[in-house]
Amino acid sequence: WSEDRFNEIIKETSTFIKKVGYNPKAVAFVPISGWHGDNMLEESSNMPWYKGWTKENKGGPVKGKTLLDAIDAIEPPVRPSDKPLRLPLQDVYKIGGIGTVPVGRVET
């Protein structure tokens, strides 16, 4: 478990995240081991240098230590339930024995 390697990965990943239009400060970086379960559900004793993650949400900064904490801190997208339901058609299939099947994406 190398702190230097973890910081190197954060730096490289943050650069990529910026290039694709996301804010790296809104991302929780968590060093984990899926093989041993380190930092997935409970804090790991194998990384005494790791003090946890901090990320910015709309409600302010959020802190945690594990991958589960990071997943729990994800804000669900706002659903515009007050708007009318739409189904823009992308294609129409005529299937023998079934009939005409419209294909599209449900939107609001």
Protein backbone atom coordinates (compact mmCIF):
# COMPACT_ATOMS: atom_id res chain seq x y z
CA TRP A 1 0.00 0.00 0.00
CA SER A 2 1.86 3.03 -1.30
CA GLU A 3 0.67 6.54 -0.47
CA ASP A 4 2.84 7.91 -3.28
CA ARG A 5 1.20 5.60 -5.83
CA PHE A 6 -2.28 6.51 -4.56
CA ASN A 7 -1.50 10.25 -4.89
CA GLU A 8 -0.12 9.64 -8.40
CA ILE A 9 -3.36 7.90 -9.40
CA ILE A 10 -5.44 10.77 -7.95
CA LYS A 11 -3.41 13.29 -9.95
CA GLU A 12 -3.74 11.37 -13.24
CA THR A 13 -7.43 10.65 -12.73
CA SER A 14 -8.19 14.25 -11.75
CA THR A 15 -6.59 15.48 -14.96
CA PHE A 16 -8.76 13.12 -17.00
CA ILE A 17 -11.91 14.05 -15.06
CA LYS A 18 -11.29 17.76 -15.77
CA LYS A 19 -10.83 17.04 -19.50
CA VAL A 20 -14.23 15.36 -19.75
CA GLY A 21 -15.98 18.21 -17.92
CA TYR A 22 -16.33 17.05 -14.32
CA ASN A 23 -15.10 18.66 -11.12
CA PRO A 24 -12.49 16.45 -9.39
CA LYS A 25 -13.41 18.05 -6.05
CA ALA A 26 -16.83 16.39 -6.38
CA VAL A 27 -15.25 12.90 -6.60
CA ALA A 28 -14.30 10.73 -3.62
CA PHE A 29 -10.98 8.93 -4.16
CA VAL A 30 -10.78 5.80 -1.99
CA PRO A 31 -7.86 3.33 -1.97
CA ILE A 32 -9.40 -0.15 -1.77
CA SER A 33 -8.50 -3.79 -2.13
CA GLY A 34 -11.31 -5.89 -3.51
CA TRP A 35 -9.20 -8.98 -2.85
CA HIS A 36 -8.79 -8.30 0.87
CA GLY A 37 -11.79 -6.00 1.38
CA ASP A 38 -9.65 -3.09 2.62
CA ASN A 39 -11.57 0.21 2.84
CA MET A 40 -14.64 -1.26 1.21
CA LEU A 41 -16.98 -1.56 4.21
CA GLU A 42 -14.64 -0.79 7.10
CA GLU A 43 -11.53 1.31 7.53
CA SER A 44 -8.35 -0.65 6.77
CA SER A 45 -5.42 -1.03 9.15
CA ASN A 46 -3.12 -1.63 6.14
CA MET A 47 -3.09 2.09 5.26
CA PRO A 48 -2.33 4.16 8.36
CA TRP A 49 -1.53 7.12 6.08
CA TYR A 50 -5.08 7.26 4.68
CA LYS A 51 -7.19 9.74 6.66
CA GLY A 52 -10.34 9.58 4.52
CA TRP A 53 -11.85 11.46 1.60
CA THR A 54 -13.64 14.78 1.25
CA LYS A 55 -15.79 15.86 -1.66
CA GLU A 56 -18.04 18.79 -2.47
CA ASN A 57 -21.78 18.24 -2.81
CA LYS A 58 -24.51 20.79 -3.40
CA GLY A 59 -25.22 20.78 0.33
CA GLY A 60 -21.56 21.38 1.26
CA PRO A 61 -18.51 19.22 1.90
CA VAL A 62 -19.00 15.53 2.69
CA LYS A 63 -16.42 13.30 4.40
CA GLY A 64 -15.96 9.56 4.72
CA LYS A 65 -13.39 6.78 4.85
CA THR A 66 -14.73 3.78 2.95
CA LEU A 67 -16.08 2.96 -0.50
CA LEU A 68 -19.50 2.36 1.05
CA ASP A 69 -19.41 5.88 2.54
CA ALA A 70 -18.54 7.27 -0.90
CA ILE A 71 -21.42 5.40 -2.54
CA ASP A 72 -23.82 6.59 0.16
CA ALA A 73 -22.67 10.19 -0.46
CA ILE A 74 -23.70 10.15 -4.14
CA GLU A 75 -26.56 12.59 -4.67
CA PRO A 76 -29.38 11.13 -6.79
CA PRO A 77 -30.30 13.18 -9.85
CA VAL A 78 -33.30 15.47 -9.59
CA ARG A 79 -36.31 13.93 -11.29
CA PRO A 80 -38.62 16.47 -12.95
CA SER A 81 -41.82 14.67 -11.89
CA ASP A 82 -43.90 17.84 -12.37
CA LYS A 83 -43.30 17.84 -16.15
CA PRO A 84 -45.28 15.84 -18.74
CA LEU A 85 -44.13 12.38 -19.75
CA ARG A 86 -42.68 12.10 -23.27
CA LEU A 87 -41.66 9.15 -25.46
CA PRO A 88 -39.62 10.40 -28.43
CA LEU A 89 -39.78 7.60 -31.01
CA GLN A 90 -36.50 6.34 -32.37
CA ASP A 91 -37.84 3.56 -34.55
CA VAL A 92 -40.89 1.41 -35.26
CA TYR A 93 -40.61 -2.36 -35.74
CA LYS A 94 -43.21 -4.58 -37.35
CA ILE A 95 -42.84 -8.03 -35.86
CA GLY A 96 -44.83 -10.90 -37.32
CA GLY A 97 -47.27 -12.40 -34.85
CA ILE A 98 -46.78 -9.52 -32.41
CA GLY A 99 -47.56 -6.38 -34.37
CA THR A 100 -46.11 -2.89 -34.48
CA VAL A 101 -43.64 -2.05 -31.70
CA PRO A 102 -42.62 1.58 -31.15
CA VAL A 103 -39.11 2.04 -29.72
CA GLY A 104 -37.98 5.14 -27.85
CA ARG A 105 -36.67 6.62 -24.64
CA VAL A 106 -39.00 7.71 -21.84
CA GLU A 107 -38.31 11.34 -20.87
CA THR A 108 -39.98 14.12 -18.92
